[in-house]
Protein backbone atom coordinates (compact mmCIF):
# COMPACT_ATOMS: atom_id res chain seq x y z
CA MET A 1 5.51 15.20 -10.07
CA ALA A 2 3.87 12.15 -11.81
CA ARG A 3 5.85 10.88 -14.63
CA LEU A 4 4.36 10.00 -17.84
CA ARG A 5 4.28 6.67 -18.52
CA SER A 6 3.38 4.76 -22.17
CA GLY A 7 0.43 2.41 -22.55
CA LEU A 8 2.85 -0.79 -22.16
CA GLN A 9 4.69 0.93 -19.21
CA ARG A 10 1.18 0.98 -17.73
CA ASP A 11 0.31 -2.38 -18.56
CA VAL A 12 3.44 -3.94 -17.10
CA MET A 13 2.89 -1.73 -13.50
CA ASN A 14 -0.66 -2.55 -13.51
CA CYS A 15 0.44 -6.54 -14.01
CA TYR A 16 2.76 -6.68 -11.49
CA ARG A 17 0.75 -4.72 -8.89
CA LEU A 18 -2.34 -7.21 -9.37
CA LEU A 19 -0.30 -10.21 -9.15
CA LEU A 20 1.21 -8.45 -5.58
CA ARG A 21 -2.14 -8.51 -4.40
CA ALA A 22 -3.26 -11.35 -5.12
CA ALA A 23 -0.28 -12.48 -3.61
CA TRP A 24 -1.13 -10.59 -0.41
CA GLY A 25 -4.38 -12.45 -0.67
CA LYS A 26 -2.67 -15.59 0.45
CA PRO A 27 -2.24 -17.36 3.67
CA ALA A 28 0.30 -15.39 5.78
CA GLU A 29 2.53 -18.66 5.84
CA THR A 30 2.93 -18.83 1.83
CA GLN A 31 2.91 -15.29 1.43
CA ALA A 32 6.47 -14.16 1.10
CA GLY A 33 7.14 -16.99 -1.05
CA PHE A 34 4.27 -15.75 -3.67
CA VAL A 35 6.05 -11.99 -3.25
CA ALA A 36 9.64 -13.64 -3.97
CA MET A 37 8.30 -15.52 -7.00
CA ILE A 38 7.11 -12.66 -8.62
CA ARG A 39 9.68 -9.81 -7.50
CA ALA A 40 12.27 -12.20 -9.05
CA ASP A 41 10.24 -13.34 -11.91
CA PHE A 42 10.08 -9.00 -12.77
CA ARG A 43 13.56 -8.81 -12.09
CA LYS A 44 14.94 -11.21 -14.00
CA HIS A 45 13.86 -9.18 -16.97
CA SER A 46 14.85 -6.13 -16.18
CA TYR A 47 18.59 -6.51 -15.04
CA GLY A 48 21.90 -8.18 -15.79
CA PRO A 49 21.94 -11.20 -18.73
CA THR A 50 18.30 -11.78 -19.21
CA ALA A 51 17.52 -8.02 -19.26
CA ILE A 52 15.32 -7.35 -22.55
CA PRO A 53 17.39 -4.76 -24.77
CA LYS A 54 15.98 -1.86 -26.12
CA GLY A 55 14.39 -1.83 -29.75
CA ALA A 56 11.65 -2.89 -31.95
CA LYS A 57 11.77 -6.46 -31.16
CA SER A 58 11.83 -5.95 -27.37
CA ILE A 59 7.83 -4.34 -27.21
CA SER A 60 6.64 -8.00 -28.75
CA LYS A 61 8.33 -9.42 -25.70
CA ILE A 62 7.49 -7.52 -23.23
CA GLU A 63 3.67 -7.80 -24.43
CA TYR A 64 4.32 -11.16 -24.17
CA LEU A 65 5.39 -11.29 -21.09
CA VAL A 66 2.25 -9.23 -19.87
CA ARG A 67 0.01 -11.79 -21.18
CA LYS A 68 2.11 -14.32 -19.45
CA GLY A 69 1.75 -12.52 -16.25
CA LYS A 70 -2.01 -11.98 -16.70
CA LYS A 71 -2.05 -16.19 -17.13
CA GLN A 72 -0.46 -16.26 -13.76
CA LEU A 73 -2.55 -14.11 -12.29
CA THR A 74 -5.60 -15.98 -13.10
CA LEU A 75 -4.38 -19.16 -11.59
CA LEU A 76 -2.44 -17.22 -8.60
CA GLN A 77 -6.28 -15.76 -7.83
CA ASN A 78 -7.71 -19.24 -7.75
CA PRO A 79 -8.52 -20.20 -3.65
CA SER A 80 -7.05 -23.66 -4.28
CA LEU A 81 -3.56 -22.53 -5.05
CA LYS A 82 -1.61 -22.47 -1.33
CA LYS A 83 1.62 -22.96 -1.82
CA ALA A 84 4.71 -21.47 -4.71
CA SER A 85 6.78 -23.54 -6.30
């Protein structure tokens, strides 16, 4: 059974999915670096000491991170970008 998600949760998952798809479109030799960078960035904000705490302030931080992810997506979709830094 599919789990119901809030609009913000759907935005986060959609951003993650689009970033991974853009990374998979890069050359095979650099693809793993892009995927690892994206996964590490998302995990950094979901577990451990840098995790986003629950509460009203966290919604604005999550929205900020989704906007940041969309900017990264625009950069990642640029065909001249060949290598993750």
